[in-house]
């Protein structure tokens, strides 16, 4: 029964899953930010916030 209760390696697996999720999210954000429409919208938003637009 000790074998079933052991959580050795569980934290490592959690870190691996969190890392994969982070990489997937970064890839998704890269695709979104490469879009010309999104880039234009962000530029207008930032320019308006700092008083250029």
C-alpha atoms as a PDB file:
ATOM      1  CA  UNK A   1       0.000   0.000   0.000  1.00  0.00           C
ATOM      2  CA  UNK A   2       2.960   2.325   0.475  1.00  0.00           C
ATOM      3  CA  UNK A   3       3.542   2.292  -3.294  1.00  0.00           C
ATOM      4  CA  UNK A   4       0.079   3.705  -3.980  1.00  0.00           C
ATOM      5  CA  UNK A   5       0.468   6.508  -1.429  1.00  0.00           C
ATOM      6  CA  UNK A   6       3.856   7.688  -2.672  1.00  0.00           C
ATOM      7  CA  UNK A   7       3.750  11.064  -4.404  1.00  0.00           C
ATOM      8  CA  UNK A   8       7.381  11.073  -5.484  1.00  0.00           C
ATOM      9  CA  UNK A   9       7.612  12.820  -8.821  1.00  0.00           C
ATOM     10  CA  UNK A  10       4.160  14.393  -8.583  1.00  0.00           C
ATOM     11  CA  UNK A  11       5.571  17.891  -8.219  1.00  0.00           C
ATOM     12  CA  UNK A  12       7.874  17.338 -11.193  1.00  0.00           C
ATOM     13  CA  UNK A  13       4.892  16.288 -13.296  1.00  0.00           C
ATOM     14  CA  UNK A  14       2.979  19.383 -12.173  1.00  0.00           C
ATOM     15  CA  UNK A  15       5.903  21.593 -13.174  1.00  0.00           C
ATOM     16  CA  UNK A  16       6.069  19.879 -16.557  1.00  0.00           C
ATOM     17  CA  UNK A  17       2.354  20.418 -17.172  1.00  0.00           C
ATOM     18  CA  UNK A  18       2.571  24.067 -16.095  1.00  0.00           C
ATOM     19  CA  UNK A  19       5.583  24.590 -18.368  1.00  0.00           C
ATOM     20  CA  UNK A  20       3.775  23.052 -21.335  1.00  0.00           C
ATOM     21  CA  UNK A  21       0.734  25.219 -20.662  1.00  0.00           C
ATOM     22  CA  UNK A  22       2.958  28.301 -20.514  1.00  0.00           C
ATOM     23  CA  UNK A  23       4.644  27.434 -23.801  1.00  0.00           C
ATOM     24  CA  UNK A  24       1.280  26.817 -25.459  1.00  0.00           C
ATOM     25  CA  UNK A  25      -0.037  30.155 -24.180  1.00  0.00           C
ATOM     26  CA  UNK A  26       3.087  31.965 -25.411  1.00  0.00           C
ATOM     27  CA  UNK A  27       2.664  30.393 -28.840  1.00  0.00           C
ATOM     28  CA  UNK A  28      -0.958  31.461 -28.973  1.00  0.00           C
ATOM     29  CA  UNK A  29      -0.061  35.013 -27.954  1.00  0.00           C
ATOM     30  CA  UNK A  30       2.635  35.114 -30.628  1.00  0.00           C
ATOM     31  CA  UNK A  31       0.103  34.131 -33.283  1.00  0.00           C
ATOM     32  CA  UNK A  32      -2.380  36.734 -32.063  1.00  0.00           C
ATOM     33  CA  UNK A  33       0.175  39.542 -31.848  1.00  0.00           C
ATOM     34  CA  UNK A  34       1.489  38.805 -35.354  1.00  0.00           C
ATOM     35  CA  UNK A  35      -1.950  39.669 -36.715  1.00  0.00           C
ATOM     36  CA  UNK A  36      -1.907  43.077 -38.416  1.00  0.00           C
ATOM     37  CA  UNK A  37      -5.349  43.954 -37.035  1.00  0.00           C
ATOM     38  CA  UNK A  38      -4.313  43.259 -33.450  1.00  0.00           C
ATOM     39  CA  UNK A  39      -1.020  45.081 -33.914  1.00  0.00           C
ATOM     40  CA  UNK A  40      -2.844  48.136 -35.301  1.00  0.00           C
ATOM     41  CA  UNK A  41      -5.360  48.090 -32.460  1.00  0.00           C
ATOM     42  CA  UNK A  42      -2.609  47.885 -29.837  1.00  0.00           C
ATOM     43  CA  UNK A  43      -0.682  50.719 -31.502  1.00  0.00           C
ATOM     44  CA  UNK A  44      -3.777  52.950 -31.491  1.00  0.00           C
ATOM     45  CA  UNK A  45      -4.485  52.085 -27.865  1.00  0.00           C
ATOM     46  CA  UNK A  46      -0.934  52.837 -26.723  1.00  0.00           C
ATOM     47  CA  UNK A  47      -0.659  55.980 -28.862  1.00  0.00           C
ATOM     48  CA  UNK A  48      -3.914  57.263 -27.381  1.00  0.00           C
ATOM     49  CA  UNK A  49      -2.745  56.488 -23.860  1.00  0.00           C
ATOM     50  CA  UNK A  50       0.484  58.464 -24.218  1.00  0.00           C
ATOM     51  CA  UNK A  51      -1.139  61.314 -26.118  1.00  0.00           C
ATOM     52  CA  UNK A  52       0.125  60.694 -29.647  1.00  0.00           C
ATOM     53  CA  UNK A  53      -3.198  59.890 -31.196  1.00  0.00           C
END
